[in-house]
PDB file of all heavy atoms in Angstrom:
ATOM      1  N   HIS A   1       6.498 -10.019  -4.782  1.00  0.00           N
ATOM      2  CA  HIS A   1       7.930 -10.166  -5.026  1.00  0.00           C
ATOM      3  C   HIS A   1       8.433  -8.806  -5.494  1.00  0.00           C
ATOM      4  O   HIS A   1       8.117  -8.364  -6.593  1.00  0.00           O
ATOM      5  CB  HIS A   1       8.187 -11.243  -6.084  1.00  0.00           C
ATOM      6  CG  HIS A   1       9.637 -11.587  -6.232  1.00  0.00           C
ATOM      7  ND1 HIS A   1      10.303 -12.399  -5.332  1.00  0.00           N
ATOM      8  CD2 HIS A   1      10.556 -11.219  -7.165  1.00  0.00           C
ATOM      9  CE1 HIS A   1      11.562 -12.528  -5.715  1.00  0.00           C
ATOM     10  NE2 HIS A   1      11.744 -11.812  -6.811  1.00  0.00           N
ATOM     11  N   ILE A   2       9.200  -8.126  -4.640  1.00  0.00           N
ATOM     12  CA  ILE A   2       9.611  -6.742  -4.870  1.00  0.00           C
ATOM     13  C   ILE A   2      11.059  -6.690  -5.334  1.00  0.00           C
ATOM     14  O   ILE A   2      11.952  -7.266  -4.699  1.00  0.00           O
ATOM     15  CB  ILE A   2       9.469  -5.903  -3.586  1.00  0.00           C
ATOM     16  CG1 ILE A   2       8.049  -5.983  -3.016  1.00  0.00           C
ATOM     17  CG2 ILE A   2       9.896  -4.453  -3.836  1.00  0.00           C
ATOM     18  CD1 ILE A   2       7.031  -5.230  -3.794  1.00  0.00           C
ATOM     19  N   GLY A   3      11.280  -5.997  -6.442  1.00  0.00           N
ATOM     20  CA  GLY A   3      12.631  -5.639  -6.842  1.00  0.00           C
ATOM     21  C   GLY A   3      12.853  -4.179  -6.496  1.00  0.00           C
ATOM     22  O   GLY A   3      12.017  -3.330  -6.809  1.00  0.00           O
ATOM     23  N   TYR A   4      13.970  -3.870  -5.833  1.00  0.00           N
ATOM     24  CA  TYR A   4      14.184  -2.496  -5.381  1.00  0.00           C
ATOM     25  C   TYR A   4      15.663  -2.152  -5.425  1.00  0.00           C
ATOM     26  O   TYR A   4      16.544  -3.026  -5.521  1.00  0.00           O
ATOM     27  CB  TYR A   4      13.634  -2.291  -3.968  1.00  0.00           C
ATOM     28  CG  TYR A   4      14.396  -3.030  -2.880  1.00  0.00           C
ATOM     29  CD1 TYR A   4      15.356  -2.376  -2.099  1.00  0.00           C
ATOM     30  CD2 TYR A   4      14.164  -4.384  -2.626  1.00  0.00           C
ATOM     31  CE1 TYR A   4      16.061  -3.049  -1.105  1.00  0.00           C
ATOM     32  CE2 TYR A   4      14.849  -5.066  -1.632  1.00  0.00           C
ATOM     33  CZ  TYR A   4      15.798  -4.397  -0.882  1.00  0.00           C
ATOM     34  OH  TYR A   4      16.499  -5.066   0.099  1.00  0.00           O
ATOM     35  N   SER A   5      15.928  -0.855  -5.343  1.00  0.00           N
ATOM     36  CA  SER A   5      17.291  -0.342  -5.325  1.00  0.00           C
ATOM     37  C   SER A   5      17.435   0.631  -4.163  1.00  0.00           C
ATOM     38  O   SER A   5      16.496   1.374  -3.851  1.00  0.00           O
ATOM     39  CB  SER A   5      17.607   0.364  -6.651  1.00  0.00           C
ATOM     40  OG  SER A   5      18.860   1.003  -6.599  1.00  0.00           O
ATOM     41  N   ARG A   6      18.603   0.624  -3.548  1.00  0.00           N
ATOM     42  CA  ARG A   6      18.857   1.539  -2.418  1.00  0.00           C
ATOM     43  C   ARG A   6      20.120   2.337  -2.692  1.00  0.00           C
ATOM     44  O   ARG A   6      21.146   1.774  -3.067  1.00  0.00           O
ATOM     45  CB  ARG A   6      19.001   0.743  -1.126  1.00  0.00           C
ATOM     46  CG  ARG A   6      19.193   1.596   0.134  1.00  0.00           C
ATOM     47  CD  ARG A   6      19.128   0.719   1.374  1.00  0.00           C
ATOM     48  NE  ARG A   6      17.806   0.099   1.504  1.00  0.00           N
ATOM     49  CZ  ARG A   6      17.566  -0.982   2.249  1.00  0.00           C
ATOM     50  NH1 ARG A   6      18.552  -1.574   2.910  1.00  0.00           N
ATOM     51  NH2 ARG A   6      16.347  -1.457   2.325  1.00  0.00           N
ATOM     52  N   HIS A   7      20.033   3.633  -2.541  1.00  0.00           N
ATOM     53  CA  HIS A   7      21.170   4.535  -2.784  1.00  0.00           C
ATOM     54  C   HIS A   7      21.723   4.373  -4.190  1.00  0.00           C
ATOM     55  O   HIS A   7      22.940   4.490  -4.412  1.00  0.00           O
ATOM     56  CB  HIS A   7      22.284   4.303  -1.757  1.00  0.00           C
ATOM     57  CG  HIS A   7      21.867   4.560  -0.342  1.00  0.00           C
ATOM     58  ND1 HIS A   7      21.352   5.765   0.084  1.00  0.00           N
ATOM     59  CD2 HIS A   7      21.881   3.742   0.759  1.00  0.00           C
ATOM     60  CE1 HIS A   7      21.077   5.694   1.386  1.00  0.00           C
ATOM     61  NE2 HIS A   7      21.386   4.486   1.808  1.00  0.00           N
ATOM     62  N   GLY A   8      20.851   4.079  -5.160  1.00  0.00           N
ATOM     63  CA  GLY A   8      21.304   3.958  -6.531  1.00  0.00           C
ATOM     64  C   GLY A   8      22.068   2.688  -6.825  1.00  0.00           C
ATOM     65  O   GLY A   8      22.643   2.541  -7.916  1.00  0.00           O
ATOM     66  N   GLY A   9      22.062   1.740  -5.904  1.00  0.00           N
ATOM     67  CA  GLY A   9      22.804   0.504  -6.079  1.00  0.00           C
ATOM     68  C   GLY A   9      22.082  -0.494  -6.965  1.00  0.00           C
ATOM     69  O   GLY A   9      21.030  -0.201  -7.536  1.00  0.00           O
ATOM     70  N   PRO A  10      22.628  -1.702  -7.101  1.00  0.00           N
ATOM     71  CA  PRO A  10      22.013  -2.729  -7.956  1.00  0.00           C
ATOM     72  C   PRO A  10      20.686  -3.214  -7.380  1.00  0.00           C
ATOM     73  O   PRO A  10      20.407  -3.038  -6.186  1.00  0.00           O
ATOM     74  CB  PRO A  10      23.051  -3.846  -7.967  1.00  0.00           C
ATOM     75  CG  PRO A  10      23.808  -3.666  -6.680  1.00  0.00           C
ATOM     76  CD  PRO A  10      23.856  -2.189  -6.448  1.00  0.00           C
ATOM     77  N   MET A  11      19.885  -3.832  -8.233  1.00  0.00           N
ATOM     78  CA  MET A  11      18.583  -4.318  -7.785  1.00  0.00           C
ATOM     79  C   MET A  11      18.742  -5.429  -6.757  1.00  0.00           C
ATOM     80  O   MET A  11      19.552  -6.346  -6.911  1.00  0.00           O
ATOM     81  CB  MET A  11      17.751  -4.823  -8.958  1.00  0.00           C
ATOM     82  CG  MET A  11      16.333  -5.219  -8.543  1.00  0.00           C
ATOM     83  SD  MET A  11      15.236  -5.636  -9.921  1.00  0.00           S
ATOM     84  CE  MET A  11      15.819  -7.280 -10.317  1.00  0.00           C
ATOM     85  N   GLN A  12      17.948  -5.333  -5.703  1.00  0.00           N
ATOM     86  CA  GLN A  12      17.818  -6.391  -4.705  1.00  0.00           C
ATOM     87  C   GLN A  12      16.376  -6.889  -4.768  1.00  0.00           C
ATOM     88  O   GLN A  12      15.489  -6.206  -5.282  1.00  0.00           O
ATOM     89  CB  GLN A  12      18.138  -5.861  -3.307  1.00  0.00           C
ATOM     90  CG  GLN A  12      19.492  -5.191  -3.180  1.00  0.00           C
ATOM     91  CD  GLN A  12      19.726  -4.657  -1.777  1.00  0.00           C
ATOM     92  OE1 GLN A  12      19.696  -5.397  -0.795  1.00  0.00           O
ATOM     93  NE2 GLN A  12      19.944  -3.346  -1.679  1.00  0.00           N
ATOM     94  N   THR A  13      16.145  -8.058  -4.254  1.00  0.00           N
ATOM     95  CA  THR A  13      14.791  -8.608  -4.270  1.00  0.00           C
ATOM     96  C   THR A  13      14.384  -9.070  -2.872  1.00  0.00           C
ATOM     97  O   THR A  13      15.221  -9.466  -2.062  1.00  0.00           O
ATOM     98  CB  THR A  13      14.669  -9.792  -5.243  1.00  0.00           C
ATOM     99  OG1 THR A  13      15.566 -10.837  -4.843  1.00  0.00           O
ATOM    100  CG2 THR A  13      14.967  -9.357  -6.668  1.00  0.00           C
ATOM    101  N   VAL A  14      13.093  -9.005  -2.628  1.00  0.00           N
ATOM    102  CA  VAL A  14      12.544  -9.479  -1.364  1.00  0.00           C
ATOM    103  C   VAL A  14      11.114  -9.952  -1.616  1.00  0.00           C
ATOM    104  O   VAL A  14      10.411  -9.391  -2.467  1.00  0.00           O
ATOM    105  CB  VAL A  14      12.561  -8.361  -0.287  1.00  0.00           C
ATOM    106  CG1 VAL A  14      11.662  -7.198  -0.679  1.00  0.00           C
ATOM    107  CG2 VAL A  14      12.171  -8.915   1.070  1.00  0.00           C
ATOM    108  N   GLN A  15      10.707 -10.989  -0.935  1.00  0.00           N
ATOM    109  CA  GLN A  15       9.328 -11.467  -1.053  1.00  0.00           C
ATOM    110  C   GLN A  15       8.566 -11.145   0.221  1.00  0.00           C
ATOM    111  O   GLN A  15       9.020 -11.477   1.323  1.00  0.00           O
ATOM    112  CB  GLN A  15       9.284 -12.974  -1.301  1.00  0.00           C
ATOM    113  CG  GLN A  15       7.849 -13.506  -1.467  1.00  0.00           C
ATOM    114  CD  GLN A  15       7.801 -14.900  -2.050  1.00  0.00           C
ATOM    115  OE1 GLN A  15       8.000 -15.086  -3.234  1.00  0.00           O
ATOM    116  NE2 GLN A  15       7.512 -15.875  -1.204  1.00  0.00           N
ATOM    117  N   LEU A  16       7.421 -10.495   0.048  1.00  0.00           N
ATOM    118  CA  LEU A  16       6.575 -10.129   1.176  1.00  0.00           C
ATOM    119  C   LEU A  16       5.360 -11.036   1.221  1.00  0.00           C
ATOM    120  O   LEU A  16       4.680 -11.206   0.210  1.00  0.00           O
ATOM    121  CB  LEU A  16       6.121  -8.673   1.058  1.00  0.00           C
ATOM    122  CG  LEU A  16       7.199  -7.600   0.840  1.00  0.00           C
ATOM    123  CD1 LEU A  16       6.545  -6.228   0.757  1.00  0.00           C
ATOM    124  CD2 LEU A  16       8.227  -7.641   1.951  1.00  0.00           C
ATOM    125  N   GLU A  17       5.092 -11.611   2.362  1.00  0.00           N
ATOM    126  CA  GLU A  17       3.869 -12.394   2.555  1.00  0.00           C
ATOM    127  C   GLU A  17       2.876 -11.526   3.296  1.00  0.00           C
ATOM    128  O   GLU A  17       3.096 -11.136   4.439  1.00  0.00           O
ATOM    129  CB  GLU A  17       4.162 -13.679   3.328  1.00  0.00           C
ATOM    130  CG  GLU A  17       5.075 -14.625   2.564  1.00  0.00           C
ATOM    131  CD  GLU A  17       4.952 -16.054   3.035  1.00  0.00           C
ATOM    132  OE1 GLU A  17       3.938 -16.376   3.698  1.00  0.00           O
ATOM    133  OE2 GLU A  17       5.855 -16.840   2.720  1.00  0.00           O
ATOM    134  N   GLY A  18       1.784 -11.197   2.645  1.00  0.00           N
ATOM    135  CA  GLY A  18       0.839 -10.236   3.188  1.00  0.00           C
ATOM    136  C   GLY A  18       0.179 -10.678   4.474  1.00  0.00           C
ATOM    137  O   GLY A  18      -0.072 -11.869   4.699  1.00  0.00           O
ATOM    138  N   ARG A  19      -0.087  -9.687   5.318  1.00  0.00           N
ATOM    139  CA  ARG A  19      -0.903  -9.941   6.513  1.00  0.00           C
ATOM    140  C   ARG A  19      -2.344 -10.026   6.054  1.00  0.00           C
ATOM    141  O   ARG A  19      -2.877  -9.095   5.464  1.00  0.00           O
ATOM    142  CB  ARG A  19      -0.718  -8.793   7.504  1.00  0.00           C
ATOM    143  CG  ARG A  19      -1.597  -8.892   8.743  1.00  0.00           C
ATOM    144  CD  ARG A  19      -1.345  -7.720   9.680  1.00  0.00           C
ATOM    145  NE  ARG A  19      -1.612  -6.443   9.051  1.00  0.00           N
ATOM    146  CZ  ARG A  19      -2.819  -5.905   8.919  1.00  0.00           C
ATOM    147  NH1 ARG A  19      -3.893  -6.567   9.347  1.00  0.00           N
ATOM    148  NH2 ARG A  19      -2.974  -4.730   8.336  1.00  0.00           N
ATOM    149  N   VAL A  20      -2.979 -11.144   6.321  1.00  0.00           N
ATOM    150  CA  VAL A  20      -4.312 -11.376   5.778  1.00  0.00           C
ATOM    151  C   VAL A  20      -5.388 -10.965   6.786  1.00  0.00           C
ATOM    152  O   VAL A  20      -5.239 -11.178   7.995  1.00  0.00           O
ATOM    153  CB  VAL A  20      -4.509 -12.854   5.373  1.00  0.00           C
ATOM    154  CG1 VAL A  20      -4.406 -13.780   6.582  1.00  0.00           C
ATOM    155  CG2 VAL A  20      -5.831 -13.053   4.647  1.00  0.00           C
ATOM    156  N   GLU A  21      -6.429 -10.347   6.271  1.00  0.00           N
ATOM    157  CA  GLU A  21      -7.625 -10.068   7.057  1.00  0.00           C
ATOM    158  C   GLU A  21      -8.793 -10.727   6.347  1.00  0.00           C
ATOM    159  O   GLU A  21      -8.949 -10.592   5.136  1.00  0.00           O
ATOM    160  CB  GLU A  21      -7.874  -8.565   7.188  1.00  0.00           C
ATOM    161  CG  GLU A  21      -6.899  -7.863   8.104  1.00  0.00           C
ATOM    162  CD  GLU A  21      -7.282  -6.410   8.367  1.00  0.00           C
ATOM    163  OE1 GLU A  21      -8.325  -5.973   7.820  1.00  0.00           O
ATOM    164  OE2 GLU A  21      -6.554  -5.725   9.097  1.00  0.00           O
ATOM    165  N   ILE A  22      -9.609 -11.461   7.093  1.00  0.00           N
ATOM    166  CA  ILE A  22     -10.749 -12.163   6.516  1.00  0.00           C
ATOM    167  C   ILE A  22     -12.026 -11.524   7.029  1.00  0.00           C
ATOM    168  O   ILE A  22     -12.256 -11.442   8.236  1.00  0.00           O
ATOM    169  CB  ILE A  22     -10.723 -13.658   6.880  1.00  0.00           C
ATOM    170  CG1 ILE A  22      -9.414 -14.288   6.378  1.00  0.00           C
ATOM    171  CG2 ILE A  22     -11.923 -14.375   6.271  1.00  0.00           C
ATOM    172  CD1 ILE A  22      -9.257 -15.734   6.759  1.00  0.00           C
ATOM    173  N   SER A  23     -12.856 -11.068   6.105  1.00  0.00           N
ATOM    174  CA  SER A  23     -14.118 -10.428   6.452  1.00  0.00           C
ATOM    175  C   SER A  23     -15.265 -11.366   6.139  1.00  0.00           C
ATOM    176  O   SER A  23     -15.159 -12.219   5.248  1.00  0.00           O
ATOM    177  CB  SER A  23     -14.287  -9.131   5.656  1.00  0.00           C
ATOM    178  OG  SER A  23     -13.203  -8.264   5.878  1.00  0.00           O
ATOM    179  N   PRO A  24     -16.380 -11.246   6.842  1.00  0.00           N
ATOM    180  CA  PRO A  24     -17.543 -12.068   6.516  1.00  0.00           C
ATOM    181  C   PRO A  24     -18.106 -11.690   5.157  1.00  0.00           C
ATOM    182  O   PRO A  24     -17.813 -10.624   4.614  1.00  0.00           O
ATOM    183  CB  PRO A  24     -18.537 -11.735   7.634  1.00  0.00           C
ATOM    184  CG  PRO A  24     -18.125 -10.375   8.108  1.00  0.00           C
ATOM    185  CD  PRO A  24     -16.636 -10.338   7.969  1.00  0.00           C
ATOM    186  N   ALA A  25     -18.896 -12.564   4.574  1.00  0.00           N
ATOM    187  CA  ALA A  25     -19.519 -12.277   3.275  1.00  0.00           C
ATOM    188  C   ALA A  25     -20.328 -10.987   3.365  1.00  0.00           C
ATOM    189  O   ALA A  25     -21.036 -10.739   4.339  1.00  0.00           O
ATOM    190  CB  ALA A  25     -20.428 -13.428   2.862  1.00  0.00           C
ATOM    191  N   VAL A  26     -20.215 -10.160   2.348  1.00  0.00           N
ATOM    192  CA  VAL A  26     -20.904  -8.865   2.324  1.00  0.00           C
ATOM    193  C   VAL A  26     -22.326  -9.060   1.827  1.00  0.00           C
ATOM    194  O   VAL A  26     -22.557  -9.684   0.802  1.00  0.00           O
ATOM    195  CB  VAL A  26     -20.147  -7.877   1.418  1.00  0.00           C
ATOM    196  CG1 VAL A  26     -20.865  -6.539   1.374  1.00  0.00           C
ATOM    197  CG2 VAL A  26     -18.726  -7.687   1.928  1.00  0.00           C
ATOM    198  N   THR A  27     -23.286  -8.530   2.551  1.00  0.00           N
ATOM    199  CA  THR A  27     -24.684  -8.686   2.151  1.00  0.00           C
ATOM    200  C   THR A  27     -25.370  -7.346   1.891  1.00  0.00           C
ATOM    201  O   THR A  27     -26.501  -7.319   1.450  1.00  0.00           O
ATOM    202  CB  THR A  27     -25.474  -9.428   3.243  1.00  0.00           C
ATOM    203  OG1 THR A  27     -25.340  -8.728   4.487  1.00  0.00           O
ATOM    204  CG2 THR A  27     -24.943 -10.845   3.412  1.00  0.00           C
TER     205      THR A  27
END
């Protein structure tokens, strides 16, 4: 959940859902 400002303006918010990568168990 990102709070950010652009050009010095008021805070805006955006939620990012990550791109998931699944790796096998590490041995």
